N, C-alpha and C. Protein backbone atom coordinates (compact mmCIF):
# COMPACT_ATOMS: atom_id res chain seq x y z
N MET A 1 0.84 -1.17 0.00
CA MET A 1 0.00 0.00 0.00
C MET A 1 0.89 1.24 0.00
N ALA A 2 0.60 2.16 -0.88
CA ALA A 2 1.40 3.38 -0.99
C ALA A 2 1.06 4.34 0.14
N THR A 3 2.07 4.96 0.67
CA THR A 3 1.82 5.93 1.73
C THR A 3 1.72 7.31 1.11
N LEU A 4 0.76 8.04 1.54
CA LEU A 4 0.56 9.40 1.04
C LEU A 4 1.20 10.38 2.01
N ALA A 5 1.79 11.40 1.42
CA ALA A 5 2.39 12.44 2.26
C ALA A 5 1.27 13.26 2.88
N THR A 6 1.30 13.38 4.16
CA THR A 6 0.27 14.17 4.84
C THR A 6 0.63 15.64 4.76
N SER A 7 -0.37 16.44 4.76
CA SER A 7 -0.13 17.90 4.71
C SER A 7 -0.21 18.47 6.12
N ALA A 8 0.57 17.90 7.00
CA ALA A 8 0.61 18.39 8.37
C ALA A 8 1.30 19.76 8.40
N PRO A 9 0.83 20.66 9.23
CA PRO A 9 1.47 21.97 9.29
C PRO A 9 2.92 21.86 9.74
N VAL A 10 3.76 22.64 9.11
CA VAL A 10 5.18 22.64 9.45
C VAL A 10 5.38 23.50 10.69
N ARG A 11 6.06 22.95 11.66
CA ARG A 11 6.34 23.70 12.89
C ARG A 11 7.50 24.65 12.63
N GLU A 12 7.27 25.91 12.89
CA GLU A 12 8.31 26.90 12.71
C GLU A 12 9.10 27.04 13.99
N GLY A 13 10.38 27.36 13.84
CA GLY A 13 11.22 27.61 15.00
C GLY A 13 10.86 28.94 15.64
N GLY A 14 11.44 29.20 16.78
CA GLY A 14 11.12 30.40 17.54
C GLY A 14 11.44 31.69 16.80
N PHE A 15 12.65 31.78 16.22
CA PHE A 15 13.04 33.01 15.53
C PHE A 15 12.25 33.21 14.26
N ARG A 16 12.00 32.14 13.52
CA ARG A 16 11.25 32.26 12.27
C ARG A 16 9.82 32.73 12.53
N ARG A 17 9.21 32.20 13.57
CA ARG A 17 7.86 32.62 13.94
C ARG A 17 7.84 34.09 14.39
N LEU A 18 8.86 34.46 15.20
CA LEU A 18 8.96 35.85 15.66
C LEU A 18 9.14 36.79 14.47
N TRP A 19 9.99 36.43 13.51
CA TRP A 19 10.24 37.26 12.34
C TRP A 19 8.95 37.44 11.52
N ARG A 20 8.18 36.35 11.34
CA ARG A 20 6.93 36.43 10.59
C ARG A 20 5.93 37.35 11.29
N VAL A 21 5.84 37.25 12.60
CA VAL A 21 4.92 38.10 13.37
C VAL A 21 5.36 39.56 13.28
N LEU A 22 6.67 39.81 13.38
CA LEU A 22 7.16 41.19 13.29
C LEU A 22 6.91 41.77 11.90
N ARG A 23 7.08 40.97 10.85
CA ARG A 23 6.80 41.46 9.49
C ARG A 23 5.32 41.77 9.33
N GLN A 24 4.46 40.90 9.86
CA GLN A 24 3.03 41.14 9.77
C GLN A 24 2.64 42.40 10.54
N LEU A 25 3.19 42.57 11.71
CA LEU A 25 2.91 43.77 12.50
C LEU A 25 3.40 45.02 11.79
N PHE A 26 4.58 44.95 11.18
CA PHE A 26 5.12 46.08 10.43
C PHE A 26 4.17 46.49 9.31
N HIS A 27 3.69 45.52 8.53
CA HIS A 27 2.80 45.84 7.42
C HIS A 27 1.46 46.40 7.92
N GLU A 28 0.97 45.91 9.05
CA GLU A 28 -0.27 46.45 9.59
C GLU A 28 -0.10 47.88 10.09
N VAL A 29 1.01 48.16 10.75
CA VAL A 29 1.27 49.52 11.24
C VAL A 29 1.44 50.48 10.06
N ILE A 30 2.20 50.08 9.05
CA ILE A 30 2.39 50.93 7.88
C ILE A 30 1.05 51.15 7.17
N GLY A 31 0.23 50.12 7.08
CA GLY A 31 -1.11 50.29 6.48
C GLY A 31 -1.95 51.28 7.25
N ALA A 32 -1.88 51.24 8.58
CA ALA A 32 -2.63 52.20 9.40
C ALA A 32 -2.11 53.62 9.22
N VAL A 33 -0.79 53.76 9.13
CA VAL A 33 -0.20 55.09 8.92
C VAL A 33 -0.65 55.66 7.57
N PHE A 34 -0.62 54.83 6.54
CA PHE A 34 -1.07 55.29 5.22
C PHE A 34 -2.56 55.64 5.23
N ALA A 35 -3.37 54.91 5.99
CA ALA A 35 -4.80 55.21 6.08
C ALA A 35 -5.02 56.57 6.76
N VAL A 36 -4.26 56.84 7.81
CA VAL A 36 -4.38 58.13 8.49
C VAL A 36 -3.94 59.26 7.57
N LEU A 37 -2.86 59.04 6.82
CA LEU A 37 -2.40 60.05 5.86
C LEU A 37 -3.44 60.27 4.76
N ALA A 38 -4.09 59.21 4.32
CA ALA A 38 -5.13 59.35 3.31
C ALA A 38 -6.29 60.20 3.84
N LEU A 39 -6.66 59.97 5.10
CA LEU A 39 -7.73 60.79 5.69
C LEU A 39 -7.30 62.25 5.80
N ALA A 40 -6.05 62.48 6.15
CA ALA A 40 -5.57 63.86 6.27
C ALA A 40 -5.58 64.56 4.91
N TRP A 41 -5.15 63.87 3.87
CA TRP A 41 -5.15 64.48 2.54
C TRP A 41 -6.58 64.68 2.02
N ALA A 42 -7.48 63.75 2.34
CA ALA A 42 -8.88 63.93 1.93
C ALA A 42 -9.49 65.13 2.66
N ASN A 43 -9.13 65.30 3.92
CA ASN A 43 -9.59 66.46 4.67
C ASN A 43 -9.05 67.75 4.05
N ALA A 44 -7.78 67.74 3.66
CA ALA A 44 -7.19 68.91 3.00
C ALA A 44 -7.89 69.21 1.68
N ALA A 45 -8.24 68.18 0.94
CA ALA A 45 -8.95 68.38 -0.33
C ALA A 45 -10.32 68.98 -0.10
N LEU A 46 -11.01 68.49 0.92
CA LEU A 46 -12.34 69.03 1.23
C LEU A 46 -12.26 70.49 1.68
N ARG A 47 -11.31 70.80 2.52
CA ARG A 47 -11.14 72.19 2.97
C ARG A 47 -10.77 73.10 1.81
N SER A 48 -9.93 72.61 0.90
CA SER A 48 -9.56 73.41 -0.26
C SER A 48 -10.77 73.65 -1.16
N TRP A 49 -11.60 72.64 -1.30
CA TRP A 49 -12.79 72.77 -2.14
C TRP A 49 -13.75 73.82 -1.56
N VAL A 50 -13.89 73.83 -0.23
CA VAL A 50 -14.81 74.75 0.43
C VAL A 50 -14.30 76.19 0.34
N HIS A 51 -13.00 76.38 0.41
CA HIS A 51 -12.43 77.72 0.42
C HIS A 51 -12.05 78.23 -0.96
N ALA A 52 -12.56 77.62 -1.99
CA ALA A 52 -12.40 78.08 -3.37
C ALA A 52 -10.93 78.21 -3.78
N VAL A 53 -10.16 77.18 -3.48
CA VAL A 53 -8.76 77.12 -3.91
C VAL A 53 -8.77 76.63 -5.36
N PRO A 54 -7.76 76.96 -6.15
CA PRO A 54 -7.73 76.48 -7.54
C PRO A 54 -7.91 74.97 -7.63
N ARG A 55 -8.59 74.55 -8.68
CA ARG A 55 -8.98 73.14 -8.81
C ARG A 55 -7.79 72.20 -8.92
N TRP A 56 -6.69 72.66 -9.48
CA TRP A 56 -5.55 71.76 -9.60
C TRP A 56 -4.97 71.40 -8.24
N LEU A 57 -5.10 72.31 -7.26
CA LEU A 57 -4.66 71.99 -5.90
C LEU A 57 -5.59 70.96 -5.25
N VAL A 58 -6.88 71.11 -5.50
CA VAL A 58 -7.85 70.14 -4.97
C VAL A 58 -7.62 68.78 -5.61
N ALA A 59 -7.39 68.78 -6.93
CA ALA A 59 -7.15 67.51 -7.64
C ALA A 59 -5.87 66.84 -7.15
N THR A 60 -4.85 67.63 -6.87
CA THR A 60 -3.60 67.07 -6.35
C THR A 60 -3.83 66.42 -4.99
N ALA A 61 -4.57 67.08 -4.12
CA ALA A 61 -4.86 66.51 -2.80
C ALA A 61 -5.68 65.23 -2.92
N VAL A 62 -6.64 65.21 -3.83
CA VAL A 62 -7.45 64.01 -4.03
C VAL A 62 -6.58 62.87 -4.57
N PHE A 63 -5.68 63.18 -5.50
CA PHE A 63 -4.79 62.16 -6.06
C PHE A 63 -3.87 61.58 -4.98
N VAL A 64 -3.30 62.43 -4.16
CA VAL A 64 -2.40 61.95 -3.10
C VAL A 64 -3.19 61.12 -2.08
N ALA A 65 -4.41 61.54 -1.76
CA ALA A 65 -5.24 60.77 -0.83
C ALA A 65 -5.56 59.39 -1.41
N ALA A 66 -5.85 59.33 -2.70
CA ALA A 66 -6.13 58.05 -3.35
C ALA A 66 -4.88 57.16 -3.36
N ALA A 67 -3.72 57.75 -3.60
CA ALA A 67 -2.48 56.97 -3.59
C ALA A 67 -2.21 56.41 -2.19
N MET A 68 -2.41 57.23 -1.17
CA MET A 68 -2.19 56.76 0.21
C MET A 68 -3.18 55.65 0.57
N LEU A 69 -4.41 55.78 0.11
CA LEU A 69 -5.41 54.75 0.36
C LEU A 69 -5.02 53.45 -0.33
N PHE A 70 -4.50 53.54 -1.55
CA PHE A 70 -4.04 52.35 -2.27
C PHE A 70 -2.88 51.69 -1.54
N PHE A 71 -1.92 52.49 -1.08
CA PHE A 71 -0.78 51.94 -0.35
C PHE A 71 -1.24 51.27 0.95
N SER A 72 -2.22 51.86 1.61
CA SER A 72 -2.76 51.28 2.83
C SER A 72 -3.40 49.92 2.54
N TRP A 73 -4.18 49.86 1.50
CA TRP A 73 -4.87 48.63 1.13
C TRP A 73 -3.88 47.52 0.78
N THR A 74 -2.85 47.85 0.00
CA THR A 74 -1.87 46.83 -0.38
C THR A 74 -1.05 46.38 0.83
N SER A 75 -0.77 47.27 1.75
CA SER A 75 -0.02 46.89 2.93
C SER A 75 -0.84 45.95 3.82
N PHE A 76 -2.13 46.24 3.99
CA PHE A 76 -2.98 45.34 4.77
C PHE A 76 -3.14 43.99 4.08
N ARG A 77 -3.21 43.98 2.75
CA ARG A 77 -3.30 42.71 2.02
C ARG A 77 -2.04 41.89 2.22
N ARG A 78 -0.88 42.53 2.17
CA ARG A 78 0.38 41.81 2.37
C ARG A 78 0.46 41.25 3.79
N ALA A 79 0.00 42.01 4.75
CA ALA A 79 0.02 41.52 6.15
C ALA A 79 -0.91 40.32 6.29
N ARG A 80 -2.02 40.35 5.61
CA ARG A 80 -2.96 39.23 5.70
C ARG A 80 -2.39 37.96 5.06
N ARG A 81 -1.63 38.13 3.95
CA ARG A 81 -1.01 36.98 3.32
C ARG A 81 0.07 36.36 4.20
N LEU A 82 0.73 37.17 5.01
CA LEU A 82 1.76 36.63 5.90
C LEU A 82 1.16 35.84 7.05
N GLY A 83 -0.03 36.25 7.47
CA GLY A 83 -0.67 35.63 8.64
C GLY A 83 -1.30 34.36 8.29
C-alpha cells in the first residue's frame, strides 16, 4: 500500500515565527499610517474645495489621498497573506 504524504502543518522555529509576526505587525502599522495620511489628505482636499482654492490643488490633494489609500490597502493585504 502506498503511503501518502500528509499535509501536516510545518512547525516553525522560535526566531522564524517571531520574524513572521514582526513582518506582519510592520505591514499592519504601515497600512494604518497610510490610512491616516489618506484621511488627512482627503480632509485637506475638502477644505480646499470649500475655500475656493484652484482646482488643480484640490485635484492634487485628491490624487495623493487616493495613492495613500491604495498603499494602505496593499499593505494590509500583504500583512494578511503573511498571517
